[in-house]
C-alpha atoms as a PDB file:
ATOM      1  CA  MET A   1      19.770 -14.988   3.005  1.00  0.00           C
ATOM      2  CA  ASP A   2      19.978 -12.250   0.345  1.00  0.00           C
ATOM      3  CA  ASP A   3      18.151  -9.026   1.354  1.00  0.00           C
ATOM      4  CA  ASN A   4      16.299  -8.979  -1.991  1.00  0.00           C
ATOM      5  CA  ASN A   5      14.631 -12.256  -1.066  1.00  0.00           C
ATOM      6  CA  ARG A   6      13.788 -11.417   2.549  1.00  0.00           C
ATOM      7  CA  THR A   7      10.154 -12.041   3.338  1.00  0.00           C
ATOM      8  CA  THR A   8       8.353 -11.344   6.567  1.00  0.00           C
ATOM      9  CA  ALA A   9       5.352 -13.592   7.055  1.00  0.00           C
ATOM     10  CA  THR A  10       4.661 -13.142  10.743  1.00  0.00           C
ATOM     11  CA  MET A  11       1.998 -10.445  10.409  1.00  0.00           C
ATOM     12  CA  GLN A  12      -0.019  -9.117   7.530  1.00  0.00           C
ATOM     13  CA  PRO A  13       0.502  -5.344   7.926  1.00  0.00           C
ATOM     14  CA  VAL A  14      -2.155  -4.202   5.475  1.00  0.00           C
ATOM     15  CA  MET A  15      -5.213  -5.863   3.992  1.00  0.00           C
ATOM     16  CA  PHE A  16      -6.625  -5.667   0.476  1.00  0.00           C
ATOM     17  CA  THR A  17     -10.282  -6.101  -0.371  1.00  0.00           C
ATOM     18  CA  GLU A  18     -11.195  -8.416  -3.222  1.00  0.00           C
ATOM     19  CA  GLY A  19     -11.781  -5.364  -5.445  1.00  0.00           C
ATOM     20  CA  ALA A  20      -8.342  -3.938  -4.613  1.00  0.00           C
ATOM     21  CA  VAL A  21      -6.617  -7.251  -5.395  1.00  0.00           C
ATOM     22  CA  LYS A  22      -8.394  -7.447  -8.755  1.00  0.00           C
ATOM     23  CA  ALA A  23      -7.496  -3.822  -9.612  1.00  0.00           C
ATOM     24  CA  LEU A  24      -3.855  -4.211  -8.549  1.00  0.00           C
ATOM     25  CA  LYS A  25      -3.347  -7.429 -10.484  1.00  0.00           C
ATOM     26  CA  GLY A  26      -5.003  -5.794 -13.509  1.00  0.00           C
ATOM     27  CA  ILE A  27      -2.668  -2.791 -13.294  1.00  0.00           C
ATOM     28  CA  GLU A  28       0.326  -5.076 -12.884  1.00  0.00           C
ATOM     29  CA  ALA A  29      -0.606  -7.006 -16.025  1.00  0.00           C
ATOM     30  CA  GLU A  30      -1.661  -3.991 -18.139  1.00  0.00           C
ATOM     31  CA  GLN A  31       1.464  -1.995 -17.374  1.00  0.00           C
ATOM     32  CA  ASP A  32       3.790  -5.014 -17.727  1.00  0.00           C
ATOM     33  CA  ILE A  33       5.391  -4.402 -14.321  1.00  0.00           C
ATOM     34  CA  PRO A  34       8.792  -6.159 -14.035  1.00  0.00           C
ATOM     35  CA  LYS A  35       8.699  -9.362 -11.982  1.00  0.00           C
ATOM     36  CA  ASN A  36      11.309  -8.068  -9.516  1.00  0.00           C
ATOM     37  CA  TYR A  37       9.077  -5.128  -8.532  1.00  0.00           C
ATOM     38  CA  GLY A  38       6.634  -5.120  -5.657  1.00  0.00           C
ATOM     39  CA  LEU A  39       3.729  -2.927  -4.630  1.00  0.00           C
ATOM     40  CA  ARG A  40       5.072  -0.116  -2.459  1.00  0.00           C
ATOM     41  CA  VAL A  41       2.656   0.910   0.277  1.00  0.00           C
ATOM     42  CA  GLY A  42       3.871   3.867   2.259  1.00  0.00           C
ATOM     43  CA  VAL A  43       3.389   7.434   3.417  1.00  0.00           C
ATOM     44  CA  LYS A  44       4.993  10.762   2.619  1.00  0.00           C
ATOM     45  CA  GLY A  45       4.760  14.176   4.178  1.00  0.00           C
ATOM     46  CA  GLY A  46       2.195  16.476   2.610  1.00  0.00           C
ATOM     47  CA  GLY A  47      -1.433  16.472   1.739  1.00  0.00           C
ATOM     48  CA  CYS A  48      -4.063  18.577   3.439  1.00  0.00           C
ATOM     49  CA  SER A  49      -3.929  16.526   6.671  1.00  0.00           C
ATOM     50  CA  GLY A  50      -0.159  16.081   7.100  1.00  0.00           C
ATOM     51  CA  PHE A  51       0.623  12.743   5.443  1.00  0.00           C
ATOM     52  CA  SER A  52      -0.444  11.250   2.136  1.00  0.00           C
ATOM     53  CA  TYR A  53      -0.387   7.638   0.990  1.00  0.00           C
ATOM     54  CA  VAL A  54       2.078   6.128  -1.460  1.00  0.00           C
ATOM     55  CA  LEU A  55       0.806   3.242  -3.578  1.00  0.00           C
ATOM     56  CA  GLY A  56       2.675   2.092  -6.662  1.00  0.00           C
ATOM     57  CA  PHE A  57       4.956  -0.558  -8.098  1.00  0.00           C
ATOM     58  CA  ASP A  58       8.635  -0.118  -7.281  1.00  0.00           C
ATOM     59  CA  GLU A  59      11.942  -1.891  -6.726  1.00  0.00           C
ATOM     60  CA  GLN A  60      12.820  -3.174  -3.281  1.00  0.00           C
ATOM     61  CA  THR A  61      15.386  -1.213  -1.248  1.00  0.00           C
ATOM     62  CA  GLU A  62      17.398  -2.124   1.829  1.00  0.00           C
ATOM     63  CA  LYS A  63      14.916  -0.104   3.926  1.00  0.00           C
ATOM     64  CA  ASP A  64      11.961  -2.358   3.001  1.00  0.00           C
ATOM     65  CA  ASP A  65      10.286  -5.307   4.627  1.00  0.00           C
ATOM     66  CA  VAL A  66       8.625  -7.589   2.098  1.00  0.00           C
ATOM     67  CA  PHE A  67       5.265  -9.295   2.529  1.00  0.00           C
ATOM     68  CA  GLU A  68       3.204 -11.612   0.338  1.00  0.00           C
ATOM     69  CA  ILE A  69      -0.422 -10.499   0.615  1.00  0.00           C
ATOM     70  CA  GLU A  70      -3.164 -12.027  -1.537  1.00  0.00           C
ATOM     71  CA  GLY A  71      -0.548 -13.086  -4.110  1.00  0.00           C
ATOM     72  CA  ILE A  72       0.908  -9.565  -4.320  1.00  0.00           C
ATOM     73  CA  ARG A  73       4.495  -8.825  -3.275  1.00  0.00           C
ATOM     74  CA  VAL A  74       4.201  -5.810  -0.952  1.00  0.00           C
ATOM     75  CA  LEU A  75       7.076  -3.497   0.007  1.00  0.00           C
ATOM     76  CA  ILE A  76       6.797  -1.377   3.160  1.00  0.00           C
ATOM     77  CA  GLU A  77       9.620   0.786   4.410  1.00  0.00           C
ATOM     78  CA  LYS A  78      10.334  -0.192   8.019  1.00  0.00           C
ATOM     79  CA  THR A  79       9.817   3.384   9.284  1.00  0.00           C
ATOM     80  CA  HIS A  80       6.342   3.555   7.672  1.00  0.00           C
ATOM     81  CA  PHE A  81       5.021   0.409   9.346  1.00  0.00           C
ATOM     82  CA  MET A  82       3.658   2.204  12.426  1.00  0.00           C
ATOM     83  CA  TYR A  83       1.517   4.469  10.210  1.00  0.00           C
ATOM     84  CA  LEU A  84       0.122   1.616   8.116  1.00  0.00           C
ATOM     85  CA  ALA A  85      -0.357  -1.407  10.405  1.00  0.00           C
ATOM     86  CA  GLY A  86      -3.940  -2.658  10.205  1.00  0.00           C
ATOM     87  CA  MET A  87      -4.894  -0.508   7.196  1.00  0.00           C
ATOM     88  CA  GLU A  88      -7.366  -1.796   4.606  1.00  0.00           C
ATOM     89  CA  ILE A  89      -6.978  -0.792   0.972  1.00  0.00           C
ATOM     90  CA  ASP A  90     -10.090  -0.974  -1.188  1.00  0.00           C
ATOM     91  CA  TRP A  91     -10.938  -0.239  -4.815  1.00  0.00           C
ATOM     92  CA  VAL A  92     -13.914   2.078  -5.300  1.00  0.00           C
ATOM     93  CA  ASP A  93     -15.625   2.218  -8.671  1.00  0.00           C
ATOM     94  CA  GLY A  94     -18.646   4.445  -8.231  1.00  0.00           C
ATOM     95  CA  LEU A  95     -20.340   7.325 -10.029  1.00  0.00           C
ATOM     96  CA  GLU A  96     -18.627  10.012  -7.964  1.00  0.00           C
ATOM     97  CA  ASN A  97     -15.355   8.330  -7.097  1.00  0.00           C
ATOM     98  CA  ARG A  98     -13.019   5.825  -8.723  1.00  0.00           C
ATOM     99  CA  GLY A  99      -9.727   4.671  -7.286  1.00  0.00           C
ATOM    100  CA  PHE A 100      -8.123   3.230  -4.201  1.00  0.00           C
ATOM    101  CA  SER A 101      -9.430   4.138  -0.773  1.00  0.00           C
ATOM    102  CA  PHE A 102      -7.603   3.735   2.516  1.00  0.00           C
ATOM    103  CA  ASN A 103      -9.221   2.752   5.809  1.00  0.00           C
ATOM    104  CA  ASN A 104      -6.478   3.448   8.335  1.00  0.00           C
ATOM    105  CA  PRO A 105      -7.142   2.789  12.040  1.00  0.00           C
ATOM    106  CA  ASN A 106      -3.993   4.786  12.917  1.00  0.00           C
ATOM    107  CA  ALA A 107      -5.334   8.031  11.444  1.00  0.00           C
ATOM    108  CA  LYS A 108      -6.712  10.596  13.890  1.00  0.00           C
ATOM    109  CA  SER A 109      -8.362  12.428  11.012  1.00  0.00           C
ATOM    110  CA  THR A 110      -8.491  12.290   7.232  1.00  0.00           C
ATOM    111  CA  CYS A 111      -9.148  14.827   4.534  1.00  0.00           C
ATOM    112  CA  GLY A 112     -12.326  14.911   2.470  1.00  0.00           C
ATOM    113  CA  CYS A 113     -10.732  13.110  -0.467  1.00  0.00           C
ATOM    114  CA  GLY A 114      -9.375  10.326   1.776  1.00  0.00           C
ATOM    115  CA  SER A 115      -5.855  10.420   0.345  1.00  0.00           C
ATOM    116  CA  SER A 116      -4.198  12.180   3.283  1.00  0.00           C
ATOM    117  CA  PHE A 117      -4.361  11.757   7.051  1.00  0.00           C
ATOM    118  CA  GLU A 118      -3.113  12.969  10.412  1.00  0.00           C
ATOM    119  CA  VAL A 119      -1.647  10.766  13.157  1.00  0.00           C
END
């Protein structure tokens, strides 16, 4: 099987709320994201708590596992899986806050803005 078509369906690593799915599909359509791209969910060093989240459309690499979640092709780098497993991504559209929020059971603590965490 070609690595670009590899799909892992044994476990859903992250979950999206209904609002997040609607927002992500809207962004995908509005920005005319190429069909071969997937939604990259990951982490990077930095942020006020040590790690910050990565969320954006990107091309698959050889380091990625690919999942189909709520009709969205999701790319997660294998080394990031342990930081993200069980996380819920939501879309918040309130008076004080608008954007994606991350509920991560692996985080020991998070910053006030919710975009970075410590493990």
